[in-house]
C-alpha atoms as a PDB file:
ATOM      1  CA  MET A   1     178.850  76.524 -95.457  1.00  0.00           C
ATOM      2  CA  LYS A   2     177.723  79.778 -96.917  1.00  0.00           C
ATOM      3  CA  ASN A   3     174.555  79.769 -94.822  1.00  0.00           C
ATOM      4  CA  TYR A   4     176.773  79.524 -91.772  1.00  0.00           C
ATOM      5  CA  PHE A   5     177.148  83.277 -91.937  1.00  0.00           C
ATOM      6  CA  PHE A   6     173.511  83.855 -91.127  1.00  0.00           C
ATOM      7  CA  TRP A   7     174.486  83.365 -87.532  1.00  0.00           C
ATOM      8  CA  LEU A   8     177.892  85.283 -87.009  1.00  0.00           C
ATOM      9  CA  LEU A   9     178.163  86.262 -87.549  1.00  0.00           C
ATOM     10  CA  PRO A  10     174.489  65.575 -76.215  1.00  0.00           C
ATOM     11  CA  ALA A  11     169.861  59.040 -70.707  1.00  0.00           C
ATOM     12  CA  LEU A  12     173.008  59.096 -68.959  1.00  0.00           C
ATOM     13  CA  VAL A  13     174.883  55.966 -67.817  1.00  0.00           C
ATOM     14  CA  GLY A  14     176.836  56.457 -64.627  1.00  0.00           C
ATOM     15  CA  PHE A  15     175.752  60.091 -64.180  1.00  0.00           C
ATOM     16  CA  GLY A  16     177.362  61.379 -61.029  1.00  0.00           C
ATOM     17  CA  CYS A  17     179.983  58.648 -60.909  1.00  0.00           C
ATOM     18  CA  ALA A  18     181.898  59.283 -64.113  1.00  0.00           C
ATOM     19  CA  SER A  19     185.573  58.411 -64.088  1.00  0.00           C
ATOM     20  CA  SER A  20     187.818  61.425 -63.502  1.00  0.00           C
ATOM     21  CA  LYS A  21     190.819  59.789 -65.169  1.00  0.00           C
ATOM     22  CA  LYS A  22     192.230  61.024 -68.437  1.00  0.00           C
ATOM     23  CA  ALA A  23     191.026  59.118 -71.451  1.00  0.00           C
ATOM     24  CA  VAL A  24     193.701  57.872 -73.838  1.00  0.00           C
ATOM     25  CA  TYR A  25     192.613  57.307 -77.425  1.00  0.00           C
ATOM     26  CA  PRO A  26     194.743  55.516 -80.013  1.00  0.00           C
ATOM     27  CA  PRO A  27     195.763  57.897 -82.809  1.00  0.00           C
ATOM     28  CA  ASP A  28     193.304  56.293 -85.227  1.00  0.00           C
ATOM     29  CA  LYS A  29     190.422  56.840 -82.778  1.00  0.00           C
ATOM     30  CA  ILE A  30     190.931  60.545 -82.151  1.00  0.00           C
ATOM     31  CA  VAL A  31     188.828  61.692 -85.092  1.00  0.00           C
ATOM     32  CA  PRO A  32     185.265  60.490 -84.487  1.00  0.00           C
ATOM     33  CA  ALA A  33     183.991  57.868 -86.929  1.00  0.00           C
ATOM     34  CA  GLU A  34     180.513  57.773 -85.382  1.00  0.00           C
ATOM     35  CA  LYS A  35     177.616  59.705 -86.817  1.00  0.00           C
ATOM     36  CA  SER A  36     175.997  61.683 -84.037  1.00  0.00           C
ATOM     37  CA  LEU A  37     174.974  65.214 -83.151  1.00  0.00           C
ATOM     38  CA  VAL A  38     174.997  64.628 -79.382  1.00  0.00           C
ATOM     39  CA  TRP A  39     178.084  63.647 -77.359  1.00  0.00           C
ATOM     40  CA  GLN A  40     178.750  62.982 -73.680  1.00  0.00           C
ATOM     41  CA  ILE A  41     181.975  64.388 -72.182  1.00  0.00           C
ATOM     42  CA  SER A  42     183.448  62.820 -69.042  1.00  0.00           C
ATOM     43  CA  GLY A  43     186.745  61.983 -67.329  1.00  0.00           C
ATOM     44  CA  ASN A  44     189.817  64.220 -67.059  1.00  0.00           C
ATOM     45  CA  GLY A  45     188.826  65.548 -63.634  1.00  0.00           C
ATOM     46  CA  LEU A  46     185.121  66.069 -64.310  1.00  0.00           C
ATOM     47  CA  LYS A  47     182.823  65.075 -61.430  1.00  0.00           C
ATOM     48  CA  LYS A  48     179.773  64.872 -63.684  1.00  0.00           C
ATOM     49  CA  PRO A  49     179.413  64.604 -67.464  1.00  0.00           C
ATOM     50  CA  SER A  50     178.824  67.511 -69.765  1.00  0.00           C
ATOM     51  CA  TYR A  51     177.396  67.377 -73.292  1.00  0.00           C
ATOM     52  CA  LEU A  52     178.102  68.599 -76.782  1.00  0.00           C
ATOM     53  CA  TYR A  53     175.254  69.244 -79.214  1.00  0.00           C
ATOM     54  CA  GLY A  54     175.874  70.015 -82.874  1.00  0.00           C
ATOM     55  CA  THR A  55     173.414  72.585 -84.179  1.00  0.00           C
ATOM     56  CA  ILE A  56     172.628  74.056 -87.550  1.00  0.00           C
ATOM     57  CA  HIS A  57     172.028  77.755 -87.813  1.00  0.00           C
ATOM     58  CA  LEU A  58     169.183  77.522 -90.318  1.00  0.00           C
ATOM     59  CA  ILE A  59     166.679  74.687 -90.703  1.00  0.00           C
ATOM     60  CA  PRO A  60     163.087  74.533 -91.995  1.00  0.00           C
ATOM     61  CA  LYS A  61     160.664  74.690 -89.083  1.00  0.00           C
ATOM     62  CA  ASN A  62     158.963  71.499 -90.216  1.00  0.00           C
ATOM     63  CA  GLU A  63     162.300  69.636 -90.033  1.00  0.00           C
ATOM     64  CA  PHE A  64     163.416  70.824 -86.609  1.00  0.00           C
ATOM     65  CA  GLU A  65     163.449  68.005 -84.058  1.00  0.00           C
ATOM     66  CA  PHE A  66     165.281  68.206 -80.747  1.00  0.00           C
ATOM     67  CA  PRO A  67     167.252  64.937 -80.339  1.00  0.00           C
ATOM     68  CA  PRO A  68     166.174  62.803 -77.350  1.00  0.00           C
ATOM     69  CA  ALA A  69     169.822  62.541 -76.221  1.00  0.00           C
ATOM     70  CA  ALA A  70     170.123  66.336 -76.200  1.00  0.00           C
ATOM     71  CA  ARG A  71     166.881  66.629 -74.226  1.00  0.00           C
ATOM     72  CA  GLU A  72     168.236  64.055 -71.754  1.00  0.00           C
ATOM     73  CA  GLY A  73     171.442  66.033 -71.480  1.00  0.00           C
ATOM     74  CA  LEU A  74     169.481  69.234 -70.913  1.00  0.00           C
ATOM     75  CA  ASP A  75     167.769  67.533 -67.964  1.00  0.00           C
ATOM     76  CA  ASN A  76     171.139  66.949 -66.295  1.00  0.00           C
ATOM     77  CA  VAL A  77     173.078  70.188 -66.752  1.00  0.00           C
ATOM     78  CA  GLN A  78     173.089  73.520 -64.975  1.00  0.00           C
ATOM     79  CA  ARG A  79     174.168  75.664 -67.907  1.00  0.00           C
ATOM     80  CA  VAL A  80     173.804  75.882 -71.688  1.00  0.00           C
ATOM     81  CA  THR A  81     176.701  77.444 -73.571  1.00  0.00           C
ATOM     82  CA  PHE A  82     176.434  78.678 -77.138  1.00  0.00           C
ATOM     83  CA  GLU A  83     179.035  80.036 -79.557  1.00  0.00           C
ATOM     84  CA  ILE A  84     177.789  83.455 -78.420  1.00  0.00           C
ATOM     85  CA  ASP A  85     175.599  83.732 -75.326  1.00  0.00           C
ATOM     86  CA  MET A  86     172.062  84.010 -76.686  1.00  0.00           C
ATOM     87  CA  LYS A  87     171.255  86.320 -73.792  1.00  0.00           C
ATOM     88  CA  GLU A  88     173.865  88.681 -75.172  1.00  0.00           C
ATOM     89  CA  MET A  89     172.542  88.366 -78.704  1.00  0.00           C
ATOM     90  CA  THR A  90     169.016  89.292 -77.613  1.00  0.00           C
ATOM     91  CA  ASN A  91     170.120  92.242 -75.466  1.00  0.00           C
ATOM     92  CA  LEU A  92     169.212  95.614 -76.959  1.00  0.00           C
ATOM     93  CA  ARG A  93     172.218  97.368 -75.415  1.00  0.00           C
ATOM     94  CA  THR A  94     174.548  94.813 -77.006  1.00  0.00           C
ATOM     95  CA  GLN A  95     172.859  95.221 -80.359  1.00  0.00           C
ATOM     96  CA  ILE A  96     173.206  98.997 -80.214  1.00  0.00           C
ATOM     97  CA  GLY A  97     176.873  98.686 -79.260  1.00  0.00           C
ATOM     98  CA  LEU A  98     177.552  96.402 -82.205  1.00  0.00           C
ATOM     99  CA  MET A  99     175.988  98.855 -84.621  1.00  0.00           C
ATOM    100  CA  SER A 100     178.929 101.211 -84.156  1.00  0.00           C
ATOM    101  CA  LYS A 101     181.225  98.472 -85.483  1.00  0.00           C
ATOM    102  CA  ALA A 102     178.943  97.353 -88.270  1.00  0.00           C
ATOM    103  CA  PHE A 103     179.892  99.790 -91.015  1.00  0.00           C
ATOM    104  CA  MET A 104     182.524  99.461 -93.721  1.00  0.00           C
ATOM    105  CA  ALA A 105     185.464 101.833 -93.703  1.00  0.00           C
ATOM    106  CA  GLY A 106     186.273 104.221 -96.522  1.00  0.00           C
ATOM    107  CA  GLY A 107     182.684 104.944 -97.429  1.00  0.00           C
ATOM    108  CA  LYS A 108     182.257 101.577 -99.127  1.00  0.00           C
ATOM    109  CA  THR A 109     178.737 100.430 -99.984  1.00  0.00           C
ATOM    110  CA  LEU A 110     177.224  97.151-101.130  1.00  0.00           C
ATOM    111  CA  LYS A 111     176.892  98.593-104.624  1.00  0.00           C
ATOM    112  CA  ASP A 112     180.675  98.968-104.796  1.00  0.00           C
ATOM    113  CA  LEU A 113     181.178  95.262-104.047  1.00  0.00           C
ATOM    114  CA  MET A 114     178.588  93.575-106.269  1.00  0.00           C
ATOM    115  CA  SER A 115     177.520  93.193-109.843  1.00  0.00           C
ATOM    116  CA  ALA A 116     174.379  95.061-110.850  1.00  0.00           C
ATOM    117  CA  ASP A 117     172.329  91.833-110.789  1.00  0.00           C
ATOM    118  CA  ASP A 118     173.606  90.772-107.367  1.00  0.00           C
ATOM    119  CA  TYR A 119     173.044  94.251-105.956  1.00  0.00           C
ATOM    120  CA  ALA A 120     169.458  94.320-107.225  1.00  0.00           C
ATOM    121  CA  PHE A 121     168.881  90.858-105.717  1.00  0.00           C
ATOM    122  CA  VAL A 122     170.212  91.885-102.299  1.00  0.00           C
ATOM    123  CA  LYS A 123     168.263  95.157-102.401  1.00  0.00           C
ATOM    124  CA  GLY A 124     165.095  93.150-103.043  1.00  0.00           C
ATOM    125  CA  LYS A 125     165.858  90.916-100.061  1.00  0.00           C
ATOM    126  CA  MET A 126     166.504  93.977 -97.905  1.00  0.00           C
ATOM    127  CA  SER A 127     163.152  95.403 -98.930  1.00  0.00           C
ATOM    128  CA  GLU A 128     161.379  92.118 -98.074  1.00  0.00           C
ATOM    129  CA  LYS A 129     163.023  92.199 -94.657  1.00  0.00           C
ATOM    130  CA  GLY A 130     162.016  95.814 -94.115  1.00  0.00           C
ATOM    131  CA  LEU A 131     165.602  97.073 -94.151  1.00  0.00           C
ATOM    132  CA  PRO A 132     165.740 100.443 -95.896  1.00  0.00           C
ATOM    133  CA  GLY A 133     168.708 101.607 -97.956  1.00  0.00           C
ATOM    134  CA  GLY A 134     171.130 104.235 -96.703  1.00  0.00           C
ATOM    135  CA  MET A 135     172.836 103.032 -93.546  1.00  0.00           C
ATOM    136  CA  PHE A 136     172.187  99.346 -94.278  1.00  0.00           C
ATOM    137  CA  GLU A 137     173.987  99.582 -97.608  1.00  0.00           C
ATOM    138  CA  ARG A 138     177.122 100.666 -95.758  1.00  0.00           C
ATOM    139  CA  MET A 139     177.122  97.680 -93.392  1.00  0.00           C
ATOM    140  CA  LYS A 140     179.761  94.971 -93.535  1.00  0.00           C
ATOM    141  CA  PRO A 141     178.150  92.176 -95.564  1.00  0.00           C
ATOM    142  CA  MET A 142     178.778  89.517 -92.907  1.00  0.00           C
ATOM    143  CA  PHE A 143     177.063  91.686 -90.295  1.00  0.00           C
ATOM    144  CA  LEU A 144     174.207  92.408 -92.651  1.00  0.00           C
ATOM    145  CA  SER A 145     173.722  88.681 -93.174  1.00  0.00           C
ATOM    146  CA  THR A 146     172.777  88.264 -89.493  1.00  0.00           C
ATOM    147  CA  LEU A 147     169.955  90.769 -89.920  1.00  0.00           C
ATOM    148  CA  PHE A 148     168.357  88.681 -92.635  1.00  0.00           C
ATOM    149  CA  SER A 149     167.855  85.811 -90.199  1.00  0.00           C
ATOM    150  CA  THR A 150     166.954  87.605 -86.969  1.00  0.00           C
ATOM    151  CA  ASP A 151     164.036  89.574 -85.654  1.00  0.00           C
ATOM    152  CA  ASP A 152     163.969  92.012 -82.726  1.00  0.00           C
ATOM    153  CA  GLU A 153     164.217  89.146 -80.224  1.00  0.00           C
ATOM    154  CA  GLY A 154     167.292  87.670 -81.860  1.00  0.00           C
ATOM    155  CA  GLY A 155     165.376  84.818 -83.481  1.00  0.00           C
ATOM    156  CA  LEU A 156     163.940  84.183 -86.893  1.00  0.00           C
ATOM    157  CA  SER A 157     160.825  85.981 -87.924  1.00  0.00           C
ATOM    158  CA  SER A 158     157.637  84.212 -86.868  1.00  0.00           C
ATOM    159  CA  ASN A 159     156.561  84.346 -90.500  1.00  0.00           C
ATOM    160  CA  SER A 160     159.709  82.643 -91.747  1.00  0.00           C
ATOM    161  CA  ARG A 161     159.646  79.006 -92.797  1.00  0.00           C
ATOM    162  CA  MET A 162     163.147  78.659 -91.297  1.00  0.00           C
ATOM    163  CA  THR A 163     164.228  78.530 -87.681  1.00  0.00           C
ATOM    164  CA  SER A 164     167.464  78.603 -85.691  1.00  0.00           C
ATOM    165  CA  VAL A 165     168.333  75.568 -83.558  1.00  0.00           C
ATOM    166  CA  GLU A 166     170.166  77.878 -81.172  1.00  0.00           C
ATOM    167  CA  MET A 167     167.096  80.033 -80.569  1.00  0.00           C
ATOM    168  CA  GLU A 168     164.864  76.979 -80.090  1.00  0.00           C
ATOM    169  CA  LEU A 169     167.355  75.605 -77.526  1.00  0.00           C
ATOM    170  CA  TYR A 170     167.633  78.982 -75.797  1.00  0.00           C
ATOM    171  CA  ARG A 171     163.871  79.062 -75.349  1.00  0.00           C
ATOM    172  CA  MET A 172     164.004  75.594 -73.763  1.00  0.00           C
ATOM    173  CA  ALA A 173     166.848  76.672 -71.465  1.00  0.00           C
ATOM    174  CA  ARG A 174     164.936  79.765 -70.342  1.00  0.00           C
ATOM    175  CA  ARG A 175     161.829  77.718 -69.553  1.00  0.00           C
ATOM    176  CA  ARG A 176     164.017  75.480 -67.355  1.00  0.00           C
ATOM    177  CA  LYS A 177     165.656  78.576 -65.818  1.00  0.00           C
ATOM    178  CA  LEU A 178     169.116  77.368 -66.842  1.00  0.00           C
ATOM    179  CA  GLU A 179     172.111  79.677 -66.948  1.00  0.00           C
ATOM    180  CA  SER A 180     173.351  80.588 -70.424  1.00  0.00           C
ATOM    181  CA  ALA A 181     176.876  81.455 -71.520  1.00  0.00           C
ATOM    182  CA  GLY A 182     179.036  81.884 -74.614  1.00  0.00           C
ATOM    183  CA  LEU A 183     182.363  80.565 -75.819  1.00  0.00           C
ATOM    184  CA  GLU A 184     183.096  83.899 -77.442  1.00  0.00           C
ATOM    185  CA  THR A 185     181.576  87.356 -77.565  1.00  0.00           C
ATOM    186  CA  ALA A 186     179.710  89.184 -80.285  1.00  0.00           C
ATOM    187  CA  ALA A 187     182.524  91.760 -80.313  1.00  0.00           C
ATOM    188  CA  TYR A 188     185.027  88.970 -81.030  1.00  0.00           C
ATOM    189  CA  GLN A 189     182.989  87.761 -83.966  1.00  0.00           C
ATOM    190  CA  MET A 190     182.854  91.308 -85.285  1.00  0.00           C
ATOM    191  CA  ALA A 191     186.644  91.341 -85.159  1.00  0.00           C
ATOM    192  CA  ILE A 192     186.625  88.145 -87.236  1.00  0.00           C
ATOM    193  CA  PHE A 193     184.560  89.964 -89.845  1.00  0.00           C
ATOM    194  CA  ASP A 194     187.248  92.626 -90.071  1.00  0.00           C
ATOM    195  CA  SER A 195     189.855  90.027 -91.015  1.00  0.00           C
ATOM    196  CA  ILE A 196     187.962  89.070 -94.195  1.00  0.00           C
ATOM    197  CA  PRO A 197     187.969  91.423 -97.218  1.00  0.00           C
ATOM    198  CA  TYR A 198     184.704  93.168 -97.965  1.00  0.00           C
ATOM    199  CA  ASP A 199     184.440  91.717-101.468  1.00  0.00           C
ATOM    200  CA  ALA A 200     184.769  88.179-100.082  1.00  0.00           C
ATOM    201  CA  GLN A 201     182.098  88.978 -97.481  1.00  0.00           C
ATOM    202  CA  ALA A 202     179.822  90.303-100.209  1.00  0.00           C
ATOM    203  CA  LYS A 203     180.221  87.112-102.228  1.00  0.00           C
ATOM    204  CA  MET A 204     179.342  85.013 -99.168  1.00  0.00           C
ATOM    205  CA  LEU A 205     176.258  87.161 -98.501  1.00  0.00           C
ATOM    206  CA  VAL A 206     174.923  86.843-102.034  1.00  0.00           C
ATOM    207  CA  GLU A 207     175.549  83.107-102.197  1.00  0.00           C
ATOM    208  CA  SER A 208     173.944  82.436 -98.811  1.00  0.00           C
ATOM    209  CA  LEU A 209     170.843  84.432 -99.771  1.00  0.00           C
ATOM    210  CA  ARG A 210     170.539  82.687-103.130  1.00  0.00           C
ATOM    211  CA  SER A 211     171.113  79.284-101.521  1.00  0.00           C
ATOM    212  CA  THR A 212     168.373  79.828 -98.959  1.00  0.00           C
ATOM    213  CA  GLU A 213     165.967  81.039-101.631  1.00  0.00           C
ATOM    214  CA  ALA A 214     166.656  77.947-103.742  1.00  0.00           C
ATOM    215  CA  SER A 215     166.560  75.424-100.891  1.00  0.00           C
ATOM    216  CA  GLU A 216     163.169  74.045-101.937  1.00  0.00           C
ATOM    217  CA  SER A 217     164.776  72.609-105.077  1.00  0.00           C
ATOM    218  CA  GLY A 218     166.926  70.325-102.950  1.00  0.00           C
ATOM    219  CA  GLU A 219     169.966  70.981-105.115  1.00  0.00           C
ATOM    220  CA  ASP A 220     171.623  73.920-103.386  1.00  0.00           C
ATOM    221  CA  GLU A 221     174.327  73.912-100.720  1.00  0.00           C
ATOM    222  CA  LEU A 222     171.886  74.445 -97.847  1.00  0.00           C
ATOM    223  CA  SER A 223     169.850  71.396 -98.865  1.00  0.00           C
ATOM    224  CA  LYS A 224     173.010  69.299 -99.104  1.00  0.00           C
ATOM    225  CA  MET A 225     174.095  70.466 -95.675  1.00  0.00           C
ATOM    226  CA  LEU A 226     170.622  69.796 -94.230  1.00  0.00           C
ATOM    227  CA  LYS A 227     170.753  66.210 -95.541  1.00  0.00           C
ATOM    228  CA  MET A 228     174.136  65.706 -93.871  1.00  0.00           C
ATOM    229  CA  TYR A 229     172.678  67.178 -90.686  1.00  0.00           C
ATOM    230  CA  ARG A 230     169.695  64.797 -90.757  1.00  0.00           C
ATOM    231  CA  ASP A 231     172.177  61.948 -91.339  1.00  0.00           C
ATOM    232  CA  GLN A 232     174.228  63.281 -88.364  1.00  0.00           C
ATOM    233  CA  ASP A 233     177.330  63.055 -90.552  1.00  0.00           C
ATOM    234  CA  ILE A 234     179.536  65.587 -88.766  1.00  0.00           C
ATOM    235  CA  ASN A 235     182.669  64.657 -90.722  1.00  0.00           C
ATOM    236  CA  ALA A 236     180.935  65.211 -94.047  1.00  0.00           C
ATOM    237  CA  MET A 237     179.666  68.570 -92.803  1.00  0.00           C
ATOM    238  CA  GLN A 238     183.143  69.619 -91.750  1.00  0.00           C
ATOM    239  CA  THR A 239     184.547  68.579 -95.123  1.00  0.00           C
ATOM    240  CA  MET A 240     181.888  70.525 -97.009  1.00  0.00           C
ATOM    241  CA  ILE A 241     182.419  73.642 -94.920  1.00  0.00           C
ATOM    242  CA  GLY A 242     186.133  73.545 -95.688  1.00  0.00           C
ATOM    243  CA  ASP A 243     185.605  72.891 -99.394  1.00  0.00           C
ATOM    244  CA  ALA A 244     186.535  75.923-101.470  1.00  0.00           C
ATOM    245  CA  GLN A 245     183.643  75.226-103.832  1.00  0.00           C
ATOM    246  CA  TYR A 246     180.936  75.160-101.169  1.00  0.00           C
ATOM    247  CA  GLY A 247     182.249  76.613 -97.960  1.00  0.00           C
ATOM    248  CA  MET A 248     184.752  78.926 -96.341  1.00  0.00           C
ATOM    249  CA  GLY A 249     187.628  78.256 -98.697  1.00  0.00           C
ATOM    250  CA  ASP A 250     190.608  80.436 -97.794  1.00  0.00           C
ATOM    251  CA  TYR A 251     188.991  81.518 -94.522  1.00  0.00           C
ATOM    252  CA  GLU A 252     188.487  78.103 -92.904  1.00  0.00           C
ATOM    253  CA  ASP A 253     191.319  78.650 -90.410  1.00  0.00           C
ATOM    254  CA  ILE A 254     189.895  81.997 -89.294  1.00  0.00           C
ATOM    255  CA  LEU A 255     186.253  80.983 -89.139  1.00  0.00           C
ATOM    256  CA  LEU A 256     186.507  77.358 -88.023  1.00  0.00           C
ATOM    257  CA  LYS A 257     189.821  75.819 -86.947  1.00  0.00           C
ATOM    258  CA  ASN A 258     191.204  78.660 -84.845  1.00  0.00           C
ATOM    259  CA  ARG A 259     187.897  79.127 -83.061  1.00  0.00           C
ATOM    260  CA  ASN A 260     187.663  75.394 -82.278  1.00  0.00           C
ATOM    261  CA  HIS A 261     191.108  75.456 -80.662  1.00  0.00           C
ATOM    262  CA  ASN A 262     190.222  78.598 -78.693  1.00  0.00           C
ATOM    263  CA  TRP A 263     187.062  76.978 -77.326  1.00  0.00           C
ATOM    264  CA  ILE A 264     188.723  73.932 -75.710  1.00  0.00           C
ATOM    265  CA  PRO A 265     190.279  75.617 -72.629  1.00  0.00           C
ATOM    266  CA  ALA A 266     187.082  77.643 -72.102  1.00  0.00           C
ATOM    267  CA  MET A 267     185.013  74.445 -72.277  1.00  0.00           C
ATOM    268  CA  GLY A 268     187.346  72.804 -69.763  1.00  0.00           C
ATOM    269  CA  ARG A 269     186.896  75.630 -67.252  1.00  0.00           C
ATOM    270  CA  MET A 270     183.115  75.603 -67.643  1.00  0.00           C
ATOM    271  CA  MET A 271     182.809  71.806 -67.304  1.00  0.00           C
ATOM    272  CA  ARG A 272     184.873  71.827 -64.095  1.00  0.00           C
ATOM    273  CA  GLU A 273     182.588  74.513 -62.641  1.00  0.00           C
ATOM    274  CA  LYS A 274     179.276  72.768 -63.392  1.00  0.00           C
ATOM    275  CA  PRO A 275     177.807  70.271 -65.909  1.00  0.00           C
ATOM    276  CA  THR A 276     177.233  72.142 -69.152  1.00  0.00           C
ATOM    277  CA  LEU A 277     175.601  71.490 -72.497  1.00  0.00           C
ATOM    278  CA  PHE A 278     177.605  73.113 -75.298  1.00  0.00           C
ATOM    279  CA  ALA A 279     175.640  73.950 -78.438  1.00  0.00           C
ATOM    280  CA  VAL A 280     177.819  74.834 -81.428  1.00  0.00           C
ATOM    281  CA  GLY A 281     177.456  74.442 -85.173  1.00  0.00           C
ATOM    282  CA  ALA A 282     177.683  70.764 -86.158  1.00  0.00           C
ATOM    283  CA  GLY A 283     180.378  71.646 -88.698  1.00  0.00           C
ATOM    284  CA  HIS A 284     182.670  72.423 -85.739  1.00  0.00           C
ATOM    285  CA  LEU A 285     182.451  68.832 -84.392  1.00  0.00           C
ATOM    286  CA  GLY A 286     184.055  66.581 -87.028  1.00  0.00           C
ATOM    287  CA  GLY A 287     187.545  66.227 -88.470  1.00  0.00           C
ATOM    288  CA  GLU A 288     190.995  66.309 -86.912  1.00  0.00           C
ATOM    289  CA  ASN A 289     190.578  69.918 -85.846  1.00  0.00           C
ATOM    290  CA  GLY A 290     186.981  69.446 -84.728  1.00  0.00           C
ATOM    291  CA  VAL A 291     185.807  69.894 -81.139  1.00  0.00           C
ATOM    292  CA  VAL A 292     185.339  66.132 -80.520  1.00  0.00           C
ATOM    293  CA  ALA A 293     188.891  65.301 -81.615  1.00  0.00           C
ATOM    294  CA  LEU A 294     190.402  68.252 -79.741  1.00  0.00           C
ATOM    295  CA  LEU A 295     188.631  67.285 -76.493  1.00  0.00           C
ATOM    296  CA  ARG A 296     189.817  63.681 -76.897  1.00  0.00           C
ATOM    297  CA  LYS A 297     193.382  64.916 -77.368  1.00  0.00           C
ATOM    298  CA  GLU A 298     193.044  66.803 -74.070  1.00  0.00           C
ATOM    299  CA  GLY A 299     192.186  63.566 -72.243  1.00  0.00           C
ATOM    300  CA  TYR A 300     188.413  63.788 -72.090  1.00  0.00           C
ATOM    301  CA  LYS A 301     186.244  60.772 -72.849  1.00  0.00           C
ATOM    302  CA  VAL A 302     183.931  61.934 -75.626  1.00  0.00           C
ATOM    303  CA  GLU A 303     181.388  59.339 -76.728  1.00  0.00           C
ATOM    304  CA  VAL A 304     177.996  59.277 -78.449  1.00  0.00           C
ATOM    305  CA  ALA A 305     175.468  60.247 -75.787  1.00  0.00           C
ATOM    306  CA  PRO A 306     172.971  57.515 -74.823  1.00  0.00           C
ATOM    307  CA  GLU A 307     169.318  58.429 -75.237  1.00  0.00           C
ATOM    308  CA  GLU A 308     168.159  56.954 -71.927  1.00  0.00           C
END
C-alpha cells in the first residue's frame, strides 16, 4: 500500500501450559483463511504463548480501537516487538544518525524527479508540515515520507486527524513498563530505501500524500485498505499491497516477502526468551509468504487469539 511508506520507512486458554510440540498443518491449512488481526503463537518448544498483532501505519483517530484480544495478549507478555523498536525511532541520537544517510546521491532533488504539478503539491505539503526547502528537497523520497507522519516524539502530530497504531501501542507498553524491541533496525530500512530507484520512491511519495489527502472521499487506496483492516481481512490486504496498481508492484519482494522471511528466526529467538507480542503491519500477515503461514511452516501453532 502506498501509505505503507509513511512508516519506513494477538483471554488466553491454557496460558502457561501450552503444548511444546511442533504443530503440523495440512498444506491447504498453512495459509490462514480466518479473518483476524490478533493471533496466538504456541507449541514448537515455547513454554508460554506469544502473540501477533497486525497493525496499520495510518488510521483516523476516530477509528482507532485496540482489539480486546490484543489487550489480553498485552496483559500476558513481557515484551512488545515492532518492525523497528519504537524506542529507537523516538531516540534523538538515532534520528540524527539517520540524517546522514537521508540524502540522495549525485545532487538529486525532488524537483528532478517530479512533474511541475507534483513538485508544487509536495512543496505545499512540506510547507504545511513546517519543513523548509533546501536540505529537505535533497532527501530520499521514502525517508521524507516518514517526516510527513511523525512529530518530534516519533508519533503523529497532535493536530493530525490520523494516528499510528504502533505509537498508540508503544504508549500502552510504556505505561505497563514493558520491554520494547524491533525485528529490524532503522539503518536496515534505510538500506532498503537505497535498493529502490529515486524516481520510483518519488512516485510512491506523491501517491501516498495524495491518497491520504483524498481519504475522506472513501474512494482512494487508503480508504480501501482501512475497510479491509476494519474487516480484519489480512489476505485481502496482502493481495492489495502486492498489486502493481495499488501497492508495491515490482518491489514487493524487497519490501514485504524478504522481510517476512527474515523476521521468522528472530521471532523464534524472542519467543523462546520470553512471551512477546509482535506488532507488524497487517499486510505482512496474510498469504503464502505472510508471517502466519511462515510460522506455521516452522511448526508453531498459530491460531486466532481468544478474547477472554
